[in-house]
Structures are given as structure tokens and as C-alpha cells.
Amino acid sequence: MAFIKNRGDARAWQTRYNAQAPRIGDPAPDFELRDTHGENPVRLSDFRGKKPVALVFGSFT
């Protein structure tokens, strides 16, 4: 397994493996998530033009 060590490596990987991925400076692609109860869908686009949004992913167990 190769590790990405710098921006040049990251761009080379992106070009080779996912040409459709967003580029630096592109707007984040829209997506929808639900709250912790599986209800109340929220889309990223609901927050465009408003305060910044931070997404945190991880295990909280």
C-alpha cells in the first residue's frame, strides 16, 4: 500500500483513481444525512451561504 506524503502525490492519486472527485476550491458536493434517531434529514445545501459547517466522523462508543 502506498501512502500519500504530499500534495503532488495526492493530486496524482486523484487523477489516477477518481477523476470525478472535487478539486481544491470546488464547492463540496451536496449530500443528505439524518439525525441520530434516523429522522429529520438535513442537506449540506441547506447551509450554503450561512455560517460554516463542520463535519466530524468517528466512533463515539
PDB file of N, CA and C in Angstrom:
ATOM      1  N   MET A   1       0.841  -1.174   0.000  1.00  0.00           N
ATOM      2  CA  MET A   1       0.000   0.000   0.000  1.00  0.00           C
ATOM      3  C   MET A   1       0.891   1.243   0.000  1.00  0.00           C
ATOM      4  N   ALA A   2       0.607   2.168  -0.876  1.00  0.00           N
ATOM      5  CA  ALA A   2       1.360   3.418  -0.941  1.00  0.00           C
ATOM      6  C   ALA A   2       0.693   4.469  -0.067  1.00  0.00           C
ATOM      7  N   PHE A   3       1.510   5.309   0.525  1.00  0.00           N
ATOM      8  CA  PHE A   3       0.981   6.381   1.361  1.00  0.00           C
ATOM      9  C   PHE A   3       1.150   7.698   0.638  1.00  0.00           C
ATOM     10  N   ILE A   4       0.186   8.569   0.804  1.00  0.00           N
ATOM     11  CA  ILE A   4       0.256   9.902   0.211  1.00  0.00           C
ATOM     12  C   ILE A   4       1.040  10.780   1.169  1.00  0.00           C
ATOM     13  N   LYS A   5       2.140  11.344   0.680  1.00  0.00           N
ATOM     14  CA  LYS A   5       3.042  12.088   1.546  1.00  0.00           C
ATOM     15  C   LYS A   5       3.029  13.590   1.297  1.00  0.00           C
ATOM     16  N   ASN A   6       2.498  14.007   0.149  1.00  0.00           N
ATOM     17  CA  ASN A   6       2.490  15.436  -0.149  1.00  0.00           C
ATOM     18  C   ASN A   6       1.388  15.748  -1.146  1.00  0.00           C
ATOM     19  N   ARG A   7       1.207  17.004  -1.419  1.00  0.00           N
ATOM     20  CA  ARG A   7       0.126  17.446  -2.304  1.00  0.00           C
ATOM     21  C   ARG A   7       0.280  16.873  -3.714  1.00  0.00           C
ATOM     22  N   GLY A   8       1.506  16.776  -4.200  1.00  0.00           N
ATOM     23  CA  GLY A   8       1.737  16.212  -5.533  1.00  0.00           C
ATOM     24  C   GLY A   8       1.293  14.763  -5.611  1.00  0.00           C
ATOM     25  N   ASP A   9       1.628  13.979  -4.583  1.00  0.00           N
ATOM     26  CA  ASP A   9       1.177  12.583  -4.534  1.00  0.00           C
ATOM     27  C   ASP A   9      -0.344  12.506  -4.483  1.00  0.00           C
ATOM     28  N   ALA A  10      -0.954  13.408  -3.720  1.00  0.00           N
ATOM     29  CA  ALA A  10      -2.412  13.412  -3.593  1.00  0.00           C
ATOM     30  C   ALA A  10      -3.061  13.716  -4.937  1.00  0.00           C
ATOM     31  N   ARG A  11      -2.536  14.687  -5.643  1.00  0.00           N
ATOM     32  CA  ARG A  11      -3.102  15.022  -6.956  1.00  0.00           C
ATOM     33  C   ARG A  11      -2.909  13.874  -7.960  1.00  0.00           C
ATOM     34  N   ALA A  12      -1.756  13.226  -7.913  1.00  0.00           N
ATOM     35  CA  ALA A  12      -1.504  12.096  -8.813  1.00  0.00           C
ATOM     36  C   ALA A  12      -2.487  10.965  -8.513  1.00  0.00           C
ATOM     37  N   TRP A  13      -2.714  10.697  -7.231  1.00  0.00           N
ATOM     38  CA  TRP A  13      -3.664   9.648  -6.854  1.00  0.00           C
ATOM     39  C   TRP A  13      -5.056  10.017  -7.331  1.00  0.00           C
ATOM     40  N   GLN A  14      -5.447  11.265  -7.120  1.00  0.00           N
ATOM     41  CA  GLN A  14      -6.775  11.716  -7.532  1.00  0.00           C
ATOM     42  C   GLN A  14      -6.954  11.593  -9.038  1.00  0.00           C
ATOM     43  N   THR A  15      -5.946  12.005  -9.791  1.00  0.00           N
ATOM     44  CA  THR A  15      -6.031  11.921 -11.250  1.00  0.00           C
ATOM     45  C   THR A  15      -6.155  10.472 -11.706  1.00  0.00           C
ATOM     46  N   ARG A  16      -5.392   9.602 -11.076  1.00  0.00           N
ATOM     47  CA  ARG A  16      -5.392   8.199 -11.492  1.00  0.00           C
ATOM     48  C   ARG A  16      -6.652   7.455 -11.069  1.00  0.00           C
ATOM     49  N   TYR A  17      -7.122   7.679  -9.840  1.00  0.00           N
ATOM     50  CA  TYR A  17      -8.192   6.842  -9.298  1.00  0.00           C
ATOM     51  C   TYR A  17      -9.575   7.470  -9.274  1.00  0.00           C
ATOM     52  N   ASN A  18      -9.682   8.790  -9.286  1.00  0.00           N
ATOM     53  CA  ASN A  18     -11.009   9.367  -9.214  1.00  0.00           C
ATOM     54  C   ASN A  18     -11.043  10.734  -9.880  1.00  0.00           C
ATOM     55  N   ALA A  19     -11.112  10.722 -11.179  1.00  0.00           N
ATOM     56  CA  ALA A  19     -11.104  11.969 -11.936  1.00  0.00           C
ATOM     57  C   ALA A  19     -12.345  12.817 -11.666  1.00  0.00           C
ATOM     58  N   GLN A  20     -13.404  12.224 -11.131  1.00  0.00           N
ATOM     59  CA  GLN A  20     -14.645  12.951 -10.856  1.00  0.00           C
ATOM     60  C   GLN A  20     -14.659  13.588  -9.465  1.00  0.00           C
ATOM     61  N   ALA A  21     -13.642  13.349  -8.659  1.00  0.00           N
ATOM     62  CA  ALA A  21     -13.595  13.899  -7.298  1.00  0.00           C
ATOM     63  C   ALA A  21     -13.490  15.419  -7.345  1.00  0.00           C
ATOM     64  N   PRO A  22     -14.019  16.108  -6.338  1.00  0.00           N
ATOM     65  CA  PRO A  22     -13.895  17.569  -6.308  1.00  0.00           C
ATOM     66  C   PRO A  22     -12.431  17.988  -6.269  1.00  0.00           C
ATOM     67  N   ARG A  23     -12.146  19.100  -6.871  1.00  0.00           N
ATOM     68  CA  ARG A  23     -10.799  19.666  -6.888  1.00  0.00           C
ATOM     69  C   ARG A  23     -10.689  20.725  -5.790  1.00  0.00           C
ATOM     70  N   ILE A  24      -9.472  21.099  -5.459  1.00  0.00           N
ATOM     71  CA  ILE A  24      -9.248  22.157  -4.482  1.00  0.00           C
ATOM     72  C   ILE A  24      -9.973  23.410  -4.948  1.00  0.00           C
ATOM     73  N   GLY A  25     -10.774  23.986  -4.073  1.00  0.00           N
ATOM     74  CA  GLY A  25     -11.524  25.192  -4.397  1.00  0.00           C
ATOM     75  C   GLY A  25     -12.924  24.943  -4.905  1.00  0.00           C
ATOM     76  N   ASP A  26     -13.242  23.698  -5.279  1.00  0.00           N
ATOM     77  CA  ASP A  26     -14.602  23.361  -5.712  1.00  0.00           C
ATOM     78  C   ASP A  26     -15.546  23.361  -4.515  1.00  0.00           C
ATOM     79  N   PRO A  27     -16.819  23.690  -4.736  1.00  0.00           N
ATOM     80  CA  PRO A  27     -17.778  23.562  -3.633  1.00  0.00           C
ATOM     81  C   PRO A  27     -17.947  22.090  -3.263  1.00  0.00           C
ATOM     82  N   ALA A  28     -18.211  21.850  -2.001  1.00  0.00           N
ATOM     83  CA  ALA A  28     -18.441  20.472  -1.535  1.00  0.00           C
ATOM     84  C   ALA A  28     -19.692  19.922  -2.217  1.00  0.00           C
ATOM     85  N   PRO A  29     -19.667  18.651  -2.606  1.00  0.00           N
ATOM     86  CA  PRO A  29     -20.861  18.061  -3.208  1.00  0.00           C
ATOM     87  C   PRO A  29     -21.985  17.977  -2.179  1.00  0.00           C
ATOM     88  N   ASP A  30     -23.200  18.142  -2.638  1.00  0.00           N
ATOM     89  CA  ASP A  30     -24.346  18.088  -1.743  1.00  0.00           C
ATOM     90  C   ASP A  30     -24.607  16.647  -1.310  1.00  0.00           C
ATOM     91  N   PHE A  31     -25.046  16.474  -0.083  1.00  0.00           N
ATOM     92  CA  PHE A  31     -25.425  15.158   0.427  1.00  0.00           C
ATOM     93  C   PHE A  31     -26.438  15.354   1.542  1.00  0.00           C
ATOM     94  N   GLU A  32     -27.071  14.258   1.929  1.00  0.00           N
ATOM     95  CA  GLU A  32     -28.092  14.305   2.971  1.00  0.00           C
ATOM     96  C   GLU A  32     -27.757  13.321   4.079  1.00  0.00           C
ATOM     97  N   LEU A  33     -27.911  13.754   5.320  1.00  0.00           N
ATOM     98  CA  LEU A  33     -27.740  12.902   6.497  1.00  0.00           C
ATOM     99  C   LEU A  33     -28.982  13.035   7.366  1.00  0.00           C
ATOM    100  N   ARG A  34     -29.179  12.057   8.221  1.00  0.00           N
ATOM    101  CA  ARG A  34     -30.281  12.115   9.179  1.00  0.00           C
ATOM    102  C   ARG A  34     -29.715  12.206  10.583  1.00  0.00           C
ATOM    103  N   ASP A  35     -30.544  12.663  11.511  1.00  0.00           N
ATOM    104  CA  ASP A  35     -30.075  12.794  12.889  1.00  0.00           C
ATOM    105  C   ASP A  35     -29.817  11.423  13.512  1.00  0.00           C
ATOM    106  N   THR A  36     -29.398  11.411  14.772  1.00  0.00           N
ATOM    107  CA  THR A  36     -29.021  10.156  15.436  1.00  0.00           C
ATOM    108  C   THR A  36     -30.191   9.196  15.621  1.00  0.00           C
ATOM    109  N   HIS A  37     -31.404   9.681  15.444  1.00  0.00           N
ATOM    110  CA  HIS A  37     -32.592   8.826  15.560  1.00  0.00           C
ATOM    111  C   HIS A  37     -33.059   8.328  14.192  1.00  0.00           C
ATOM    112  N   GLY A  38     -32.319   8.689  13.139  1.00  0.00           N
ATOM    113  CA  GLY A  38     -32.690   8.277  11.791  1.00  0.00           C
ATOM    114  C   GLY A  38     -33.822   9.109  11.211  1.00  0.00           C
ATOM    115  N   GLU A  39     -34.087  10.238  11.806  1.00  0.00           N
ATOM    116  CA  GLU A  39     -35.165  11.130  11.358  1.00  0.00           C
ATOM    117  C   GLU A  39     -34.570  12.464  10.919  1.00  0.00           C
ATOM    118  N   ASN A  40     -35.409  13.383  10.570  1.00  0.00           N
ATOM    119  CA  ASN A  40     -35.020  14.764  10.257  1.00  0.00           C
ATOM    120  C   ASN A  40     -33.844  14.866   9.290  1.00  0.00           C
ATOM    121  N   PRO A  41     -34.083  14.626   8.010  1.00  0.00           N
ATOM    122  CA  PRO A  41     -32.996  14.750   7.035  1.00  0.00           C
ATOM    123  C   PRO A  41     -32.508  16.196   6.924  1.00  0.00           C
ATOM    124  N   VAL A  42     -31.207  16.337   6.759  1.00  0.00           N
ATOM    125  CA  VAL A  42     -30.572  17.647   6.584  1.00  0.00           C
ATOM    126  C   VAL A  42     -29.610  17.521   5.412  1.00  0.00           C
ATOM    127  N   ARG A  43     -29.671  18.490   4.521  1.00  0.00           N
ATOM    128  CA  ARG A  43     -28.783  18.503   3.360  1.00  0.00           C
ATOM    129  C   ARG A  43     -27.707  19.562   3.561  1.00  0.00           C
ATOM    130  N   LEU A  44     -26.524  19.296   3.064  1.00  0.00           N
ATOM    131  CA  LEU A  44     -25.448  20.274   3.144  1.00  0.00           C
ATOM    132  C   LEU A  44     -25.873  21.582   2.481  1.00  0.00           C
ATOM    133  N   SER A  45     -26.598  21.497   1.386  1.00  0.00           N
ATOM    134  CA  SER A  45     -27.023  22.700   0.667  1.00  0.00           C
ATOM    135  C   SER A  45     -27.950  23.583   1.504  1.00  0.00           C
ATOM    136  N   ASP A  46     -28.563  23.028   2.547  1.00  0.00           N
ATOM    137  CA  ASP A  46     -29.395  23.836   3.445  1.00  0.00           C
ATOM    138  C   ASP A  46     -28.566  24.908   4.153  1.00  0.00           C
ATOM    139  N   PHE A  47     -27.246  24.718   4.224  1.00  0.00           N
ATOM    140  CA  PHE A  47     -26.377  25.624   4.961  1.00  0.00           C
ATOM    141  C   PHE A  47     -25.534  26.524   4.068  1.00  0.00           C
ATOM    142  N   ARG A  48     -25.638  26.373   2.755  1.00  0.00           N
ATOM    143  CA  ARG A  48     -24.841  27.220   1.857  1.00  0.00           C
ATOM    144  C   ARG A  48     -25.232  28.678   2.034  1.00  0.00           C
ATOM    145  N   GLY A  49     -24.225  29.534   2.127  1.00  0.00           N
ATOM    146  CA  GLY A  49     -24.453  30.953   2.310  1.00  0.00           C
ATOM    147  C   GLY A  49     -24.689  31.332   3.763  1.00  0.00           C
ATOM    148  N   LYS A  50     -24.630  30.351   4.658  1.00  0.00           N
ATOM    149  CA  LYS A  50     -24.820  30.605   6.086  1.00  0.00           C
ATOM    150  C   LYS A  50     -23.511  30.355   6.807  1.00  0.00           C
ATOM    151  N   LYS A  51     -23.553  30.225   8.119  1.00  0.00           N
ATOM    152  CA  LYS A  51     -22.342  30.004   8.905  1.00  0.00           C
ATOM    153  C   LYS A  51     -21.653  28.714   8.468  1.00  0.00           C
ATOM    154  N   PRO A  52     -20.341  28.631   8.665  1.00  0.00           N
ATOM    155  CA  PRO A  52     -19.606  27.412   8.282  1.00  0.00           C
ATOM    156  C   PRO A  52     -20.139  26.175   8.989  1.00  0.00           C
ATOM    157  N   VAL A  53     -20.007  25.044   8.324  1.00  0.00           N
ATOM    158  CA  VAL A  53     -20.441  23.767   8.856  1.00  0.00           C
ATOM    159  C   VAL A  53     -19.204  22.893   9.051  1.00  0.00           C
ATOM    160  N   ALA A  54     -19.094  22.250  10.195  1.00  0.00           N
ATOM    161  CA  ALA A  54     -18.002  21.306  10.459  1.00  0.00           C
ATOM    162  C   ALA A  54     -18.599  19.917  10.578  1.00  0.00           C
ATOM    163  N   LEU A  55     -18.034  18.976   9.858  1.00  0.00           N
ATOM    164  CA  LEU A  55     -18.476  17.581   9.924  1.00  0.00           C
ATOM    165  C   LEU A  55     -17.411  16.778  10.650  1.00  0.00           C
ATOM    166  N   VAL A  56     -17.836  16.008  11.624  1.00  0.00           N
ATOM    167  CA  VAL A  56     -16.917  15.194  12.391  1.00  0.00           C
ATOM    168  C   VAL A  56     -17.369  13.741  12.273  1.00  0.00           C
ATOM    169  N   PHE A  57     -16.481  12.883  11.814  1.00  0.00           N
ATOM    170  CA  PHE A  57     -16.794  11.479  11.661  1.00  0.00           C
ATOM    171  C   PHE A  57     -15.910  10.686  12.620  1.00  0.00           C
ATOM    172  N   GLY A  58     -16.471   9.704  13.235  1.00  0.00           N
ATOM    173  CA  GLY A  58     -15.671   8.866  14.126  1.00  0.00           C
ATOM    174  C   GLY A  58     -16.563   7.980  14.968  1.00  0.00           C
ATOM    175  N   SER A  59     -15.945   7.156  15.741  1.00  0.00           N
ATOM    176  CA  SER A  59     -16.670   6.251  16.621  1.00  0.00           C
ATOM    177  C   SER A  59     -16.780   6.905  18.002  1.00  0.00           C
ATOM    178  N   PHE A  60     -17.976   6.958  18.507  1.00  0.00           N
ATOM    179  CA  PHE A  60     -18.200   7.586  19.814  1.00  0.00           C
ATOM    180  C   PHE A  60     -18.631   6.525  20.827  1.00  0.00           C
ATOM    181  N   THR A  61     -18.176   5.283  20.637  1.00  0.00           N
ATOM    182  CA  THR A  61     -18.535   4.223  21.561  1.00  0.00           C
ATOM    183  C   THR A  61     -17.422   3.957  22.536  1.00  0.00           C
TER     184      THR A  61
END
